[in-house]
Amino acid sequence: MNFMNALDISSAGLSAQRSRMNLVAMNLSHMHTTQTPDGGPYRRKQPVFEADPLFRNFRGRLRDALDRELTDVQIPRIVEDQRDFQMIFDPAHPDADEFGYVLMPNVNVAEEMVEMISAKRSYEANVSAVTASHNMALKALEILR
């Protein structure tokens, strides 16, 4: 694996974790949204991570066996959490039914915070990989002097 491949893989990881963090922020910002354009409360959104071969073309097939196994990460789609909505009793709420219950989004603050911490740690790990690749490249250039 060369220097540029390592950076490509780490940059894909950084991008995926940034997208994950954006979804967490969106979920938290909509945790009280009871009406969406589709009707009904907001549904929590989650990214689907997928391994994507780094080399797909003919040139990639000519690489050695280790390089052919390299993959980066993609988020091909975002899915909605299908768990039930929360039902709370709030007769004063404008969206309350005739019994005073309101359907609230299926967003759990604790779960979103865990997702946020996990995304942050994964992002930091990718930053460390970029830094290590950068330092190795600098050391290689020093050897050539």
C-alpha atoms as a PDB file:
ATOM      1  CA  MET A   1       0.000   0.000   0.000  1.00  0.00           C
ATOM      2  CA  ASN A   2       1.393   3.382  -0.889  1.00  0.00           C
ATOM      3  CA  PHE A   3       1.093   6.733   0.819  1.00  0.00           C
ATOM      4  CA  MET A   4      -1.759   7.987  -1.384  1.00  0.00           C
ATOM      5  CA  ASN A   5      -3.839   4.827  -0.826  1.00  0.00           C
ATOM      6  CA  ALA A   6      -3.570   5.293   2.930  1.00  0.00           C
ATOM      7  CA  LEU A   7      -4.732   8.880   2.591  1.00  0.00           C
ATOM      8  CA  ASP A   8      -7.639   7.862   0.322  1.00  0.00           C
ATOM      9  CA  ILE A   9      -8.844   5.275   2.818  1.00  0.00           C
ATOM     10  CA  SER A  10      -8.527   7.643   5.778  1.00  0.00           C
ATOM     11  CA  SER A  11     -10.242  10.487   3.924  1.00  0.00           C
ATOM     12  CA  ALA A  12     -13.182   8.191   3.119  1.00  0.00           C
ATOM     13  CA  GLY A  13     -13.385   7.338   6.821  1.00  0.00           C
ATOM     14  CA  LEU A  14     -13.290  11.017   7.779  1.00  0.00           C
ATOM     15  CA  SER A  15     -16.069  11.805   5.318  1.00  0.00           C
ATOM     16  CA  ALA A  16     -18.234   8.914   6.539  1.00  0.00           C
ATOM     17  CA  GLN A  17     -17.849   9.916  10.183  1.00  0.00           C
ATOM     18  CA  ARG A  18     -18.634  13.547   9.350  1.00  0.00           C
ATOM     19  CA  SER A  19     -21.850  12.388   7.667  1.00  0.00           C
ATOM     20  CA  ARG A  20     -22.663  10.243  10.699  1.00  0.00           C
ATOM     21  CA  MET A  21     -22.138  13.230  13.008  1.00  0.00           C
ATOM     22  CA  ASN A  22     -24.396  15.361  10.782  1.00  0.00           C
ATOM     23  CA  LEU A  23     -27.159  12.756  11.086  1.00  0.00           C
ATOM     24  CA  VAL A  24     -26.799  12.725  14.877  1.00  0.00           C
ATOM     25  CA  ALA A  25     -27.108  16.512  14.918  1.00  0.00           C
ATOM     26  CA  MET A  26     -30.171  16.350  12.667  1.00  0.00           C
ATOM     27  CA  ASN A  27     -31.791  13.692  14.865  1.00  0.00           C
ATOM     28  CA  LEU A  28     -31.212  15.761  17.994  1.00  0.00           C
ATOM     29  CA  SER A  29     -32.519  18.924  16.353  1.00  0.00           C
ATOM     30  CA  HIS A  30     -35.769  17.157  15.401  1.00  0.00           C
ATOM     31  CA  MET A  31     -36.403  15.354  18.676  1.00  0.00           C
ATOM     32  CA  HIS A  32     -39.536  17.493  19.275  1.00  0.00           C
ATOM     33  CA  THR A  33     -40.803  17.650  15.673  1.00  0.00           C
ATOM     34  CA  THR A  34     -44.308  16.216  15.681  1.00  0.00           C
ATOM     35  CA  GLN A  35     -45.242  17.118  12.102  1.00  0.00           C
ATOM     36  CA  THR A  36     -43.155  16.508   8.977  1.00  0.00           C
ATOM     37  CA  PRO A  37     -44.037  17.138   5.321  1.00  0.00           C
ATOM     38  CA  ASP A  38     -44.750  13.383   5.033  1.00  0.00           C
ATOM     39  CA  GLY A  39     -47.176  13.613   7.952  1.00  0.00           C
ATOM     40  CA  GLY A  40     -46.567  12.331  11.454  1.00  0.00           C
ATOM     41  CA  PRO A  41     -43.570  12.761  13.699  1.00  0.00           C
ATOM     42  CA  TYR A  42     -39.936  12.811  12.607  1.00  0.00           C
ATOM     43  CA  ARG A  43     -38.274   9.395  12.277  1.00  0.00           C
ATOM     44  CA  ARG A  44     -34.688   8.952  13.459  1.00  0.00           C
ATOM     45  CA  LYS A  45     -32.240   8.528  10.591  1.00  0.00           C
ATOM     46  CA  GLN A  46     -29.217   6.212  10.548  1.00  0.00           C
ATOM     47  CA  PRO A  47     -26.349   5.810   8.068  1.00  0.00           C
ATOM     48  CA  VAL A  48     -25.638   2.479   6.411  1.00  0.00           C
ATOM     49  CA  PHE A  49     -21.886   1.896   6.139  1.00  0.00           C
ATOM     50  CA  GLU A  50     -20.553  -0.234   3.316  1.00  0.00           C
ATOM     51  CA  ALA A  51     -17.071  -1.381   2.322  1.00  0.00           C
ATOM     52  CA  ASP A  52     -16.143  -0.183  -1.153  1.00  0.00           C
ATOM     53  CA  PRO A  53     -13.189  -1.658  -3.095  1.00  0.00           C
ATOM     54  CA  LEU A  54     -10.454   0.915  -3.516  1.00  0.00           C
ATOM     55  CA  PHE A  55      -9.460  -0.453  -6.933  1.00  0.00           C
ATOM     56  CA  ARG A  56     -12.270  -1.436  -9.274  1.00  0.00           C
ATOM     57  CA  ASN A  57     -10.824  -0.870 -12.696  1.00  0.00           C
ATOM     58  CA  PHE A  58      -8.510  -3.083 -14.762  1.00  0.00           C
ATOM     59  CA  ARG A  59      -5.447  -1.363 -13.386  1.00  0.00           C
ATOM     60  CA  GLY A  60      -6.546  -2.291  -9.871  1.00  0.00           C
ATOM     61  CA  ARG A  61      -6.776  -5.940 -10.835  1.00  0.00           C
ATOM     62  CA  LEU A  62      -3.082  -5.884 -11.734  1.00  0.00           C
ATOM     63  CA  ARG A  63      -2.098  -4.938  -8.194  1.00  0.00           C
ATOM     64  CA  ASP A  64      -0.670  -7.470  -5.796  1.00  0.00           C
ATOM     65  CA  ALA A  65      -3.009  -9.523  -3.621  1.00  0.00           C
ATOM     66  CA  LEU A  66      -2.766  -7.223  -0.589  1.00  0.00           C
ATOM     67  CA  ASP A  67      -3.655  -4.092  -2.544  1.00  0.00           C
ATOM     68  CA  ARG A  68      -6.630  -5.811  -4.195  1.00  0.00           C
ATOM     69  CA  GLU A  69      -8.117  -6.338  -0.729  1.00  0.00           C
ATOM     70  CA  LEU A  70      -8.058  -2.619   0.165  1.00  0.00           C
ATOM     71  CA  THR A  71     -11.445  -1.041   0.756  1.00  0.00           C
ATOM     72  CA  ASP A  72     -12.690   2.287   1.915  1.00  0.00           C
ATOM     73  CA  VAL A  73     -16.022   3.128   3.517  1.00  0.00           C
ATOM     74  CA  GLN A  74     -19.085   4.616   1.856  1.00  0.00           C
ATOM     75  CA  ILE A  75     -22.535   5.594   3.044  1.00  0.00           C
ATOM     76  CA  PRO A  76     -24.687   4.422   0.122  1.00  0.00           C
ATOM     77  CA  ARG A  77     -27.981   5.227   1.820  1.00  0.00           C
ATOM     78  CA  ILE A  78     -29.619   6.583   4.935  1.00  0.00           C
ATOM     79  CA  VAL A  79     -32.431   4.597   6.510  1.00  0.00           C
ATOM     80  CA  GLU A  80     -35.193   5.611   8.879  1.00  0.00           C
ATOM     81  CA  ASP A  81     -35.450   3.881  12.242  1.00  0.00           C
ATOM     82  CA  GLN A  82     -38.677   1.869  12.206  1.00  0.00           C
ATOM     83  CA  ARG A  83     -39.114   1.650  15.962  1.00  0.00           C
ATOM     84  CA  ASP A  84     -42.403   2.894  17.384  1.00  0.00           C
ATOM     85  CA  PHE A  85     -42.946   6.543  18.145  1.00  0.00           C
ATOM     86  CA  GLN A  86     -43.125   7.691  21.754  1.00  0.00           C
ATOM     87  CA  MET A  87     -46.570   8.544  23.018  1.00  0.00           C
ATOM     88  CA  ILE A  88     -46.768  11.229  25.693  1.00  0.00           C
ATOM     89  CA  PHE A  89     -49.728  12.717  27.502  1.00  0.00           C
ATOM     90  CA  ASP A  90     -49.920  16.450  26.787  1.00  0.00           C
ATOM     91  CA  PRO A  91     -53.491  17.635  26.214  1.00  0.00           C
ATOM     92  CA  ALA A  92     -52.325  21.236  25.660  1.00  0.00           C
ATOM     93  CA  HIS A  93     -50.138  20.269  22.683  1.00  0.00           C
ATOM     94  CA  PRO A  94     -51.609  21.346  19.320  1.00  0.00           C
ATOM     95  CA  ASP A  95     -51.038  17.849  17.862  1.00  0.00           C
ATOM     96  CA  ALA A  96     -52.702  15.993  20.745  1.00  0.00           C
ATOM     97  CA  ASP A  97     -55.395  13.490  19.830  1.00  0.00           C
ATOM     98  CA  GLU A  98     -58.870  13.472  21.411  1.00  0.00           C
ATOM     99  CA  PHE A  99     -57.464  11.650  24.470  1.00  0.00           C
ATOM    100  CA  GLY A 100     -54.599  14.150  24.984  1.00  0.00           C
ATOM    101  CA  TYR A 101     -51.761  11.953  23.671  1.00  0.00           C
ATOM    102  CA  VAL A 102     -49.105  13.196  21.249  1.00  0.00           C
ATOM    103  CA  LEU A 103     -46.919  11.025  19.028  1.00  0.00           C
ATOM    104  CA  MET A 104     -43.315  12.129  19.494  1.00  0.00           C
ATOM    105  CA  PRO A 105     -40.261  11.188  17.377  1.00  0.00           C
ATOM    106  CA  ASN A 106     -38.387   7.969  18.113  1.00  0.00           C
ATOM    107  CA  VAL A 107     -35.199   9.881  18.991  1.00  0.00           C
ATOM    108  CA  ASN A 108     -33.456   8.874  22.219  1.00  0.00           C
ATOM    109  CA  VAL A 109     -30.989  11.485  23.515  1.00  0.00           C
ATOM    110  CA  ALA A 110     -28.764   8.933  25.282  1.00  0.00           C
ATOM    111  CA  GLU A 111     -28.544   6.798  22.144  1.00  0.00           C
ATOM    112  CA  GLU A 112     -27.657   9.841  20.038  1.00  0.00           C
ATOM    113  CA  MET A 113     -24.943  10.860  22.494  1.00  0.00           C
ATOM    114  CA  VAL A 114     -23.400   7.380  22.265  1.00  0.00           C
ATOM    115  CA  GLU A 115     -23.495   7.663  18.460  1.00  0.00           C
ATOM    116  CA  MET A 116     -21.864  11.090  18.677  1.00  0.00           C
ATOM    117  CA  ILE A 117     -19.038   9.866  20.922  1.00  0.00           C
ATOM    118  CA  SER A 118     -18.472   6.834  18.700  1.00  0.00           C
ATOM    119  CA  ALA A 119     -18.357   9.001  15.557  1.00  0.00           C
ATOM    120  CA  LYS A 120     -15.946  11.398  17.269  1.00  0.00           C
ATOM    121  CA  ARG A 121     -13.603   8.591  18.293  1.00  0.00           C
ATOM    122  CA  SER A 122     -13.686   7.070  14.804  1.00  0.00           C
ATOM    123  CA  TYR A 123     -12.981  10.491  13.302  1.00  0.00           C
ATOM    124  CA  GLU A 124     -10.019  10.945  15.665  1.00  0.00           C
ATOM    125  CA  ALA A 125      -8.676   7.502  14.710  1.00  0.00           C
ATOM    126  CA  ASN A 126      -8.768   8.470  11.033  1.00  0.00           C
ATOM    127  CA  VAL A 127      -7.020  11.767  11.788  1.00  0.00           C
ATOM    128  CA  SER A 128      -4.305   9.787  13.598  1.00  0.00           C
ATOM    129  CA  ALA A 129      -3.929   7.518  10.556  1.00  0.00           C
ATOM    130  CA  VAL A 130      -3.545  10.556   8.273  1.00  0.00           C
ATOM    131  CA  THR A 131      -0.963  12.038  10.641  1.00  0.00           C
ATOM    132  CA  ALA A 132       0.973   8.765  10.806  1.00  0.00           C
ATOM    133  CA  SER A 133       0.967   8.464   6.992  1.00  0.00           C
ATOM    134  CA  HIS A 134       2.162  12.043   6.699  1.00  0.00           C
ATOM    135  CA  ASN A 135       4.971  11.470   9.210  1.00  0.00           C
ATOM    136  CA  MET A 136       6.082   8.269   7.432  1.00  0.00           C
ATOM    137  CA  ALA A 137       6.219  10.107   4.116  1.00  0.00           C
ATOM    138  CA  LEU A 138       8.335  12.863   5.667  1.00  0.00           C
ATOM    139  CA  LYS A 139      10.709  10.299   7.169  1.00  0.00           C
ATOM    140  CA  ALA A 140      11.022   8.591   3.769  1.00  0.00           C
ATOM    141  CA  LEU A 141      11.925  11.927   2.182  1.00  0.00           C
ATOM    142  CA  GLU A 142      14.566  12.514   4.867  1.00  0.00           C
ATOM    143  CA  ILE A 143      16.142   9.146   4.077  1.00  0.00           C
ATOM    144  CA  LEU A 144      16.460  10.149   0.422  1.00  0.00           C
ATOM    145  CA  ARG A 145      18.489  13.261   1.286  1.00  0.00           C
END
